[in-house]
Protein backbone atom coordinates (compact mmCIF):
# COMPACT_ATOMS: atom_id res chain seq x y z
CA MET A 1 13.09 -26.80 17.25
CA SER A 2 9.89 -28.65 16.55
CA LEU A 3 7.26 -27.79 13.96
CA ASN A 4 4.77 -29.61 16.15
CA LYS A 5 5.04 -27.04 18.94
CA VAL A 6 1.59 -26.13 20.21
CA ILE A 7 0.99 -22.44 20.68
CA THR A 8 -1.17 -22.02 23.74
CA GLU A 9 -1.06 -18.26 24.02
CA GLN A 10 -1.19 -15.51 21.44
CA SER A 11 1.01 -12.50 21.90
CA TRP A 12 0.26 -9.25 20.13
CA THR A 13 3.14 -7.06 21.21
CA GLY A 14 4.98 -4.44 19.28
CA SER A 15 5.11 -0.75 18.73
CA PRO A 16 3.56 1.63 16.22
CA MET A 17 5.40 2.14 12.95
CA ASP A 18 6.75 5.62 12.25
CA LEU A 19 5.49 7.47 9.16
CA ARG A 20 8.75 7.16 7.22
CA THR A 21 8.88 3.38 7.65
CA ALA A 22 5.19 3.04 6.74
CA THR A 23 5.68 5.13 3.59
CA GLU A 24 8.75 3.13 2.51
CA LEU A 25 6.97 -0.16 3.16
CA LYS A 26 3.93 0.91 1.16
CA LEU A 27 6.22 2.03 -1.68
CA ALA A 28 7.99 -1.35 -1.69
CA LEU A 29 4.74 -3.34 -1.61
CA LEU A 30 2.50 -1.27 -3.89
CA GLY A 31 4.91 0.68 -6.09
CA SER A 32 3.73 4.01 -4.71
CA SER A 33 2.95 5.38 -1.28
CA LEU A 34 -0.19 6.89 -2.83
CA ASN A 35 -1.70 3.53 -3.87
CA CYS A 36 -4.21 1.86 -1.55
CA PHE A 37 -4.32 -1.72 -0.32
CA SER A 38 -7.05 -3.73 -2.07
CA VAL A 39 -9.83 -5.55 -0.24
CA GLU A 40 -7.96 -8.84 -0.86
CA TRP A 41 -4.87 -7.46 0.88
CA LYS A 42 -6.92 -6.16 3.81
CA ASN A 43 -8.69 -9.52 4.27
CA GLN A 44 -5.51 -11.63 4.20
CA GLY A 45 -3.80 -12.70 7.41
CA PHE A 46 -1.14 -15.19 8.40
CA ILE A 47 -3.20 -18.37 8.81
CA PHE A 48 -1.60 -21.79 8.74
CA SER A 49 -3.16 -24.83 7.10
CA GLU A 50 -5.31 -27.14 9.19
CA THR A 51 -4.26 -30.11 7.03
CA HIS A 52 -2.27 -32.43 9.32
CA ASP A 53 0.79 -32.90 7.12
CA LEU A 54 0.81 -29.29 5.91
CA GLY A 55 0.50 -27.40 9.18
CA TYR A 56 3.48 -25.23 8.23
CA GLY A 57 1.79 -23.99 5.04
CA ILE A 58 0.34 -20.50 4.94
CA VAL A 59 -3.16 -20.37 3.47
CA GLN A 60 -3.71 -17.69 0.84
CA LYS A 61 -7.18 -16.35 0.23
CA LYS A 62 -8.30 -15.15 -3.21
CA GLY A 63 -5.91 -12.59 -4.71
CA GLY A 64 -3.89 -10.40 -2.47
CA PRO A 65 -0.30 -10.38 -1.33
CA CYS A 66 1.07 -13.62 -2.81
CA GLY A 67 4.62 -12.24 -3.00
CA VAL A 68 4.62 -11.25 0.66
CA LEU A 69 3.14 -14.60 1.69
CA ALA A 70 5.68 -16.50 -0.43
CA SER A 71 8.54 -14.63 1.24
CA VAL A 72 7.22 -15.38 4.72
CA GLN A 73 6.50 -19.00 3.74
CA ALA A 74 10.11 -19.40 2.54
CA PHE A 75 11.32 -18.17 5.93
CA VAL A 76 9.04 -20.61 7.78
């Protein structure tokens, strides 16, 4: 496996999440299924660094889901 692999095509496949899974996920992330995602959470995506030697690093915008990003970054 190479970290230098060039991705030439994006794939956005998947299936909708059922309500129970969505509720449990929101509870795990926000502490309550009634809480709303902040603007910082909504504006964050999975974007990798453009710095040559740090291409594997996920870029975090201001605020937002640092715990989620750290977990994904650890997996990467």
